[in-house]
Amino acid sequence: MGRIKSKLVKRTSIALLKEENRFTSKFEENKELIKGLTPSKKVRNQIAGYIARRKKAELKGQKSNIQ
């Protein structure tokens, strides 16, 4: 199918990214940062993964602007 995320995951991830600047492009680190904020393990992992993907894309965009 693909990498389709629900509105809940996207909305929560974007809100967390605006709030805190501690997130990285590493899934495991993001997972630990949002450990107590989510109701279930599945949602926590989806949010952490989505944040990691957005950070990686952000870094890739910055690198292409430098060159």
N, C-alpha and C. Protein backbone atom coordinates (compact mmCIF):
# COMPACT_ATOMS: atom_id res chain seq x y z
N MET A 1 0.82 -1.18 0.00
CA MET A 1 0.00 0.00 0.00
C MET A 1 0.87 1.25 0.00
N GLY A 2 1.63 1.45 1.02
CA GLY A 2 2.46 2.64 1.05
C GLY A 2 2.59 3.18 2.46
N ARG A 3 3.00 4.40 2.53
CA ARG A 3 3.24 5.02 3.83
C ARG A 3 2.16 6.02 4.16
N ILE A 4 0.94 5.57 4.23
CA ILE A 4 -0.18 6.45 4.52
C ILE A 4 -0.36 6.54 6.02
N LYS A 5 -0.39 7.75 6.54
CA LYS A 5 -0.57 7.98 7.97
C LYS A 5 -1.91 8.67 8.20
N SER A 6 -2.52 8.38 9.33
CA SER A 6 -3.81 8.98 9.66
C SER A 6 -3.65 10.45 10.01
N LYS A 7 -4.77 11.17 10.02
CA LYS A 7 -4.74 12.59 10.38
C LYS A 7 -4.27 12.77 11.82
N LEU A 8 -4.65 11.85 12.68
CA LEU A 8 -4.23 11.93 14.08
C LEU A 8 -2.72 11.93 14.19
N VAL A 9 -2.06 11.01 13.48
CA VAL A 9 -0.61 10.89 13.54
C VAL A 9 0.05 12.15 12.98
N LYS A 10 -0.41 12.61 11.83
CA LYS A 10 0.18 13.79 11.20
C LYS A 10 -0.03 15.04 12.05
N ARG A 11 -1.25 15.23 12.52
CA ARG A 11 -1.58 16.43 13.30
C ARG A 11 -0.78 16.47 14.60
N THR A 12 -0.70 15.34 15.28
CA THR A 12 0.03 15.27 16.54
C THR A 12 1.52 15.48 16.31
N SER A 13 2.06 14.88 15.27
CA SER A 13 3.48 15.00 14.97
C SER A 13 3.86 16.45 14.67
N ILE A 14 3.06 17.10 13.87
CA ILE A 14 3.35 18.49 13.51
C ILE A 14 3.26 19.39 14.73
N ALA A 15 2.29 19.14 15.60
CA ALA A 15 2.15 19.93 16.82
C ALA A 15 3.36 19.71 17.73
N LEU A 16 3.82 18.47 17.86
CA LEU A 16 4.99 18.19 18.69
C LEU A 16 6.26 18.82 18.11
N LEU A 17 6.38 18.81 16.79
CA LEU A 17 7.55 19.43 16.16
C LEU A 17 7.58 20.94 16.38
N LYS A 18 6.40 21.57 16.40
CA LYS A 18 6.34 23.01 16.66
C LYS A 18 6.67 23.32 18.11
N GLU A 19 6.24 22.44 19.02
CA GLU A 19 6.45 22.63 20.45
C GLU A 19 7.90 22.46 20.86
N GLU A 20 8.46 21.33 20.48
CA GLU A 20 9.80 20.97 20.96
C GLU A 20 10.78 20.86 19.81
N ASN A 21 12.01 21.22 20.10
CA ASN A 21 13.05 21.15 19.08
C ASN A 21 14.04 20.03 19.39
N ARG A 22 13.66 19.09 20.23
CA ARG A 22 14.58 18.03 20.65
C ARG A 22 14.53 16.81 19.75
N PHE A 23 13.61 16.74 18.83
CA PHE A 23 13.46 15.56 17.99
C PHE A 23 14.58 15.46 16.97
N THR A 24 14.92 14.22 16.62
CA THR A 24 15.99 13.97 15.66
C THR A 24 15.45 13.10 14.52
N SER A 25 16.34 12.71 13.64
CA SER A 25 15.94 11.84 12.52
C SER A 25 16.05 10.37 12.90
N LYS A 26 16.24 10.07 14.19
CA LYS A 26 16.36 8.69 14.66
C LYS A 26 15.09 8.27 15.38
N PHE A 27 14.51 7.19 14.90
CA PHE A 27 13.25 6.68 15.43
C PHE A 27 13.34 6.37 16.92
N GLU A 28 14.36 5.66 17.34
CA GLU A 28 14.48 5.23 18.74
C GLU A 28 14.52 6.42 19.70
N GLU A 29 15.24 7.47 19.34
CA GLU A 29 15.32 8.65 20.20
C GLU A 29 13.98 9.36 20.30
N ASN A 30 13.29 9.47 19.17
CA ASN A 30 11.97 10.11 19.16
C ASN A 30 10.97 9.31 19.99
N LYS A 31 11.08 8.00 19.90
CA LYS A 31 10.17 7.11 20.64
C LYS A 31 10.32 7.35 22.14
N GLU A 32 11.53 7.50 22.60
CA GLU A 32 11.76 7.74 24.03
C GLU A 32 11.25 9.12 24.46
N LEU A 33 11.35 10.11 23.57
CA LEU A 33 10.89 11.45 23.92
C LEU A 33 9.37 11.54 24.09
N ILE A 34 8.62 10.74 23.34
CA ILE A 34 7.16 10.83 23.41
C ILE A 34 6.54 9.65 24.14
N LYS A 35 7.33 8.98 24.93
CA LYS A 35 6.89 7.76 25.61
C LYS A 35 5.61 7.95 26.42
N GLY A 36 5.49 8.97 27.23
CA GLY A 36 4.33 9.15 28.10
C GLY A 36 3.20 9.96 27.50
N LEU A 37 3.35 10.42 26.28
CA LEU A 37 2.36 11.32 25.69
C LEU A 37 1.25 10.62 24.93
N THR A 38 1.44 9.37 24.55
CA THR A 38 0.47 8.69 23.69
C THR A 38 -0.27 7.58 24.43
N PRO A 39 -1.49 7.29 24.00
CA PRO A 39 -2.29 6.29 24.68
C PRO A 39 -1.88 4.84 24.40
N SER A 40 -1.25 4.59 23.25
CA SER A 40 -0.89 3.22 22.93
C SER A 40 0.49 3.15 22.29
N LYS A 41 1.05 1.96 22.31
CA LYS A 41 2.38 1.74 21.75
C LYS A 41 2.36 1.92 20.23
N LYS A 42 1.31 1.47 19.60
CA LYS A 42 1.21 1.56 18.14
C LYS A 42 1.20 3.01 17.68
N VAL A 43 0.40 3.83 18.32
CA VAL A 43 0.32 5.24 17.96
C VAL A 43 1.64 5.93 18.25
N ARG A 44 2.25 5.61 19.38
CA ARG A 44 3.56 6.19 19.73
C ARG A 44 4.59 5.89 18.66
N ASN A 45 4.63 4.65 18.20
CA ASN A 45 5.60 4.26 17.18
C ASN A 45 5.31 4.95 15.84
N GLN A 46 4.04 5.09 15.50
CA GLN A 46 3.68 5.77 14.25
C GLN A 46 4.10 7.23 14.28
N ILE A 47 3.86 7.88 15.41
CA ILE A 47 4.22 9.30 15.55
C ILE A 47 5.74 9.46 15.52
N ALA A 48 6.45 8.61 16.24
CA ALA A 48 7.91 8.69 16.26
C ALA A 48 8.49 8.45 14.87
N GLY A 49 7.94 7.52 14.14
CA GLY A 49 8.40 7.24 12.78
C GLY A 49 8.12 8.38 11.83
N TYR A 50 6.95 8.98 11.95
CA TYR A 50 6.59 10.10 11.08
C TYR A 50 7.48 11.31 11.36
N ILE A 51 7.77 11.56 12.63
CA ILE A 51 8.67 12.67 12.99
C ILE A 51 10.06 12.41 12.42
N ALA A 52 10.54 11.18 12.51
CA ALA A 52 11.86 10.84 11.97
C ALA A 52 11.89 11.07 10.46
N ARG A 53 10.85 10.68 9.77
CA ARG A 53 10.79 10.88 8.31
C ARG A 53 10.79 12.36 7.95
N ARG A 54 10.04 13.16 8.70
CA ARG A 54 9.99 14.60 8.42
C ARG A 54 11.35 15.25 8.68
N LYS A 55 12.02 14.82 9.74
CA LYS A 55 13.34 15.37 10.05
C LYS A 55 14.36 14.99 8.98
N LYS A 56 14.31 13.75 8.50
CA LYS A 56 15.22 13.32 7.44
C LYS A 56 14.98 14.13 6.17
N ALA A 57 13.72 14.35 5.83
CA ALA A 57 13.39 15.14 4.63
C ALA A 57 13.86 16.58 4.80
N GLU A 58 13.72 17.10 6.00
CA GLU A 58 14.15 18.46 6.29
C GLU A 58 15.67 18.58 6.12
N LEU A 59 16.40 17.62 6.64
CA LEU A 59 17.86 17.63 6.51
C LEU A 59 18.29 17.48 5.06
N LYS A 60 17.60 16.65 4.31
CA LYS A 60 17.92 16.44 2.90
C LYS A 60 17.67 17.74 2.13
N GLY A 61 16.60 18.44 2.45
CA GLY A 61 16.29 19.71 1.81
C GLY A 61 17.33 20.77 2.10
N GLN A 62 17.84 20.78 3.32
CA GLN A 62 18.87 21.74 3.68
C GLN A 62 20.18 21.45 2.95
N LYS A 63 20.51 20.18 2.79
CA LYS A 63 21.73 19.81 2.11
C LYS A 63 21.68 20.19 0.63
N SER A 64 20.52 20.00 0.02
CA SER A 64 20.41 20.33 -1.41
C SER A 64 20.45 21.83 -1.64
N ASN A 65 20.02 22.62 -0.66
CA ASN A 65 20.09 24.08 -0.79
C ASN A 65 21.53 24.58 -0.65
N ILE A 66 22.34 23.86 0.09
CA ILE A 66 23.74 24.26 0.30
C ILE A 66 24.55 24.07 -0.97
N GLN A 67 24.31 22.99 -1.68
CA GLN A 67 25.12 22.67 -2.86
C GLN A 67 24.87 23.56 -4.00
